[in-house]
């Protein structure tokens, strides 16, 4: 069995946040591949299915980001899995929006969800890093990741999520190269036989970030999520 873990925060308030792109990816996989309805278990929402012969469990921790490892550890112990069976899909500040990279092992780079998983299962699990871009200054990161994707990002976000779903079976088999090829076919389709790239979809006009209306206390609480 493979365990796909999507990182995010629970609740409608966070559904479309940049920090929740891992949840979004699992939702798309579950919908496209006929997985079971989501149910509560292991301090998480889980859904089970089969990806071309690979039995796969999707898991969205409901403990908030900085305690994600608790749910992952519980599921691994129940199914007697090892870190080699685990793939974590998460937001990545150090990649441009819409970019995707597969990585095996390594550090957590300050990501609270990965930090928690490291504490519970170690570092030898696979990650799918989903680029959301960087706000430009470390002091702006907390507010940036806890804001919704603007409408200007909807086109590339949809392409990225569809690509992840297209390549999910290859990811479950551990073939990162074929998985990345599937993603690229959605996010950077090949040129036509005439040598010209397919016409790009019209670019949406950038929208200014919504003003941060949270109180000082709410900002402090969200900083630790």
Protein backbone atom coordinates (compact mmCIF):
# COMPACT_ATOMS: atom_id res chain seq x y z
CA UNK A 1 0.00 0.00 0.00
CA UNK A 2 1.08 3.56 -0.72
CA UNK A 3 0.15 6.41 1.61
CA UNK A 4 -0.36 9.77 -0.10
CA UNK A 5 -0.40 12.60 2.46
CA UNK A 6 -1.68 16.04 1.50
CA UNK A 7 -0.78 18.91 3.81
CA UNK A 8 -3.10 21.74 4.77
CA UNK A 9 -5.28 23.13 7.54
CA UNK A 10 -8.81 21.83 8.27
CA UNK A 11 -11.96 23.94 7.98
CA UNK A 12 -13.70 26.02 5.34
CA UNK A 13 -11.69 29.09 6.33
CA UNK A 14 -8.55 27.52 4.86
CA UNK A 15 -9.95 25.53 1.92
CA UNK A 16 -8.52 27.70 -0.87
CA UNK A 17 -5.39 28.89 0.99
CA UNK A 18 -2.02 28.47 -0.72
CA UNK A 19 -1.00 26.37 2.29
CA UNK A 20 -3.75 23.86 1.38
CA UNK A 21 -2.59 22.92 -2.10
CA UNK A 22 -1.72 19.44 -0.78
CA UNK A 23 -5.34 18.91 0.26
CA UNK A 24 -6.48 20.16 -3.16
CA UNK A 25 -4.24 17.65 -4.95
CA UNK A 26 -5.66 14.71 -2.99
CA UNK A 27 -9.22 15.90 -3.58
CA UNK A 28 -8.57 15.87 -7.34
CA UNK A 29 -7.02 12.38 -7.24
CA UNK A 30 -9.94 11.02 -5.18
CA UNK A 31 -12.52 12.52 -7.54
CA UNK A 32 -10.84 11.47 -10.79
CA UNK A 33 -9.96 7.91 -9.76
CA UNK A 34 -13.15 6.83 -7.98
CA UNK A 35 -11.81 6.65 -4.44
CA UNK A 36 -14.12 6.00 -1.49
CA UNK A 37 -15.93 8.90 0.22
CA UNK A 38 -13.79 10.72 2.78
CA UNK A 39 -14.15 9.51 6.36
CA UNK A 40 -12.56 10.40 9.70
CA UNK A 41 -9.77 8.18 11.04
CA UNK A 42 -6.22 8.61 12.42
CA UNK A 43 -6.96 12.30 13.30
CA UNK A 44 -7.41 12.78 9.57
CA UNK A 45 -9.74 12.51 6.62
CA UNK A 46 -8.97 9.38 4.61
CA UNK A 47 -10.06 7.92 1.28
CA UNK A 48 -9.07 4.55 -0.22
CA UNK A 49 -8.68 3.45 -3.81
CA UNK A 50 -6.62 1.75 -6.47
CA UNK A 51 -4.26 3.40 -8.94
CA UNK A 52 -3.70 0.90 -11.77
CA UNK A 53 -3.11 -1.96 -9.36
CA UNK A 54 -1.49 0.04 -6.58
CA UNK A 55 -3.66 0.13 -3.46
CA UNK A 56 -3.47 3.69 -2.17
CA UNK A 57 -4.65 5.53 0.93
CA UNK A 58 -5.14 9.29 0.73
CA UNK A 59 -4.75 11.13 4.03
CA UNK A 60 -5.48 14.76 4.95
CA UNK A 61 -4.43 15.46 8.57
CA UNK A 62 -7.05 17.39 10.56
CA UNK A 63 -4.69 18.44 13.37
CA UNK A 64 -3.59 21.70 11.73
CA UNK A 65 -0.35 21.94 9.81
CA UNK A 66 2.19 21.95 12.63
CA UNK A 67 0.90 18.61 14.05
CA UNK A 68 0.51 16.76 10.74
CA UNK A 69 2.95 14.04 11.74
CA UNK A 70 0.59 12.68 14.39
CA UNK A 71 -1.93 11.50 11.79
CA UNK A 72 0.76 10.19 9.46
CA UNK A 73 2.36 8.17 12.25
CA UNK A 74 -0.96 6.66 13.32
CA UNK A 75 -1.83 5.53 9.79
CA UNK A 76 1.62 4.07 9.22
CA UNK A 77 1.51 2.04 12.43
CA UNK A 78 -2.00 0.73 11.68
CA UNK A 79 -1.08 -0.46 8.17
CA UNK A 80 2.50 -1.43 9.12
CA UNK A 81 4.00 0.90 6.53
CA UNK A 82 7.52 2.29 6.29
CA UNK A 83 8.65 5.81 5.26
CA UNK A 84 9.39 4.34 1.80
CA UNK A 85 5.62 3.83 1.37
CA UNK A 86 4.81 7.50 2.08
CA UNK A 87 4.49 10.39 -0.38
CA UNK A 88 3.77 13.88 1.00
CA UNK A 89 2.30 16.57 -1.28
CA UNK A 90 2.88 20.08 0.04
CA UNK A 91 3.21 23.75 -0.83
CA UNK A 92 6.71 24.99 -1.69
CA UNK A 93 7.71 28.64 -1.35
CA UNK A 94 11.02 28.11 -3.16
CA UNK A 95 9.40 27.02 -6.43
CA UNK A 96 7.66 29.35 -8.88
CA UNK A 97 3.86 29.10 -8.98
CA UNK A 98 2.75 26.05 -10.94
CA UNK A 99 6.11 24.25 -10.81
CA UNK A 100 6.30 20.72 -9.41
CA UNK A 101 9.27 18.66 -8.24
CA UNK A 102 9.65 15.19 -6.72
CA UNK A 103 12.17 14.71 -3.95
CA UNK A 104 13.23 11.71 -1.87
CA UNK A 105 14.27 12.43 1.70
CA UNK A 106 16.05 15.58 2.83
CA UNK A 107 15.33 18.40 5.26
CA UNK A 108 12.07 20.18 6.02
CA UNK A 109 13.31 23.68 5.06
CA UNK A 110 11.26 25.25 7.84
CA UNK A 111 7.91 23.91 6.60
CA UNK A 112 5.87 23.23 9.74
CA UNK A 113 4.02 20.26 8.29
CA UNK A 114 7.20 18.54 7.13
CA UNK A 115 8.90 19.37 10.42
CA UNK A 116 6.14 17.52 12.29
CA UNK A 117 6.32 14.53 9.95
CA UNK A 118 10.11 14.38 10.44
CA UNK A 119 9.54 14.20 14.19
CA UNK A 120 7.16 11.25 13.88
CA UNK A 121 8.55 9.11 11.04
CA UNK A 122 11.97 10.49 10.12
CA UNK A 123 13.06 12.09 6.86
CA UNK A 124 13.17 9.17 4.41
CA UNK A 125 9.82 9.70 2.72
CA UNK A 126 9.07 11.08 -0.74
CA UNK A 127 7.75 14.59 -1.28
CA UNK A 128 5.94 16.26 -4.15
CA UNK A 129 6.83 19.94 -3.88
CA UNK A 130 4.11 22.17 -5.35
CA UNK A 131 5.30 25.67 -6.15
CA UNK A 132 3.31 28.62 -4.84
CA UNK A 133 6.04 31.28 -5.13
CA UNK A 134 7.47 33.50 -2.39
CA UNK A 135 6.09 36.83 -1.16
CA UNK A 136 9.59 38.31 -1.20
CA UNK A 137 10.28 38.67 2.51
CA UNK A 138 10.26 36.08 5.27
CA UNK A 139 8.10 38.27 7.51
CA UNK A 140 5.32 38.13 4.89
CA UNK A 141 5.31 34.34 4.56
CA UNK A 142 2.71 33.54 7.25
CA UNK A 143 0.13 35.90 5.80
CA UNK A 144 0.94 34.83 2.24
CA UNK A 145 0.45 31.08 2.70
CA UNK A 146 -2.74 31.58 4.73
CA UNK A 147 -4.43 33.62 1.99
CA UNK A 148 -6.50 32.18 -0.83
CA UNK A 149 -5.14 31.72 -4.33
CA UNK A 150 -6.27 34.76 -6.35
CA UNK A 151 -8.38 34.30 -9.47
CA UNK A 152 -5.31 35.09 -11.58
CA UNK A 153 -3.81 31.78 -10.42
CA UNK A 154 -6.81 29.58 -11.21
CA UNK A 155 -5.65 28.53 -14.71
CA UNK A 156 -2.21 27.23 -13.74
CA UNK A 157 -3.54 25.76 -10.49
CA UNK A 158 -6.15 23.71 -12.33
CA UNK A 159 -3.57 22.49 -14.86
CA UNK A 160 -1.18 21.49 -12.06
CA UNK A 161 -3.83 19.57 -10.10
CA UNK A 162 -5.03 17.77 -13.23
CA UNK A 163 -1.46 16.82 -14.06
CA UNK A 164 -0.89 15.41 -10.59
CA UNK A 165 -4.05 13.33 -10.94
CA UNK A 166 -3.01 12.13 -14.41
CA UNK A 167 0.32 10.93 -13.03
CA UNK A 168 -0.95 9.58 -9.69
CA UNK A 169 -0.58 5.94 -10.72
CA UNK A 170 3.05 6.46 -11.72
CA UNK A 171 3.68 8.22 -8.43
CA UNK A 172 2.21 5.25 -6.56
CA UNK A 173 4.58 2.96 -8.47
CA UNK A 174 7.53 5.14 -7.46
CA UNK A 175 8.27 6.30 -11.02
CA UNK A 176 8.96 9.99 -10.49
CA UNK A 177 10.04 10.52 -14.10
CA UNK A 178 6.78 9.32 -15.63
CA UNK A 179 4.85 11.23 -12.98
CA UNK A 180 6.64 14.45 -13.92
CA UNK A 181 5.97 13.76 -17.61
CA UNK A 182 2.25 13.53 -16.87
CA UNK A 183 2.34 16.82 -15.00
CA UNK A 184 4.29 18.49 -17.81
CA UNK A 185 1.72 17.41 -20.41
CA UNK A 186 -0.80 19.54 -18.52
CA UNK A 187 1.37 22.45 -17.42
CA UNK A 188 3.67 22.69 -20.48
CA UNK A 189 2.00 20.83 -23.38
CA UNK A 190 4.21 19.87 -26.36
CA UNK A 191 4.31 21.90 -29.53
CA UNK A 192 2.00 21.04 -32.43
CA UNK A 193 3.21 19.15 -35.52
CA UNK A 194 3.63 22.50 -37.25
CA UNK A 195 6.28 23.46 -34.72
CA UNK A 196 4.11 25.96 -32.93
CA UNK A 197 3.08 25.70 -29.33
CA UNK A 198 -0.61 25.42 -28.65
CA UNK A 199 -2.22 28.79 -28.16
CA UNK A 200 -1.97 29.69 -24.48
CA UNK A 201 -5.14 30.36 -22.59
CA UNK A 202 -5.66 34.10 -22.07
CA UNK A 203 -3.80 35.35 -19.05
CA UNK A 204 -6.00 36.65 -16.28
CA UNK A 205 -5.33 40.15 -15.08
CA UNK A 206 -3.42 40.04 -11.84
CA UNK A 207 -5.50 40.83 -8.82
CA UNK A 208 -4.16 42.71 -5.84
CA UNK A 209 -3.87 40.72 -2.65
CA UNK A 210 -6.91 41.15 -0.42
CA UNK A 211 -6.12 43.31 2.61
CA UNK A 212 -5.29 41.42 5.76
CA UNK A 213 -8.29 42.07 8.00
CA UNK A 214 -7.23 39.75 10.79
CA UNK A 215 -6.78 41.14 14.27
CA UNK A 216 -3.34 41.12 15.87
CA UNK A 217 -4.38 38.08 17.94
CA UNK A 218 -5.62 36.19 14.87
CA UNK A 219 -2.37 36.93 13.03
CA UNK A 220 -0.38 35.59 15.98
CA UNK A 221 -2.47 32.40 16.14
CA UNK A 222 -2.27 31.81 12.37
CA UNK A 223 1.51 32.25 12.44
CA UNK A 224 1.82 28.99 14.33
CA UNK A 225 -0.51 26.96 12.11
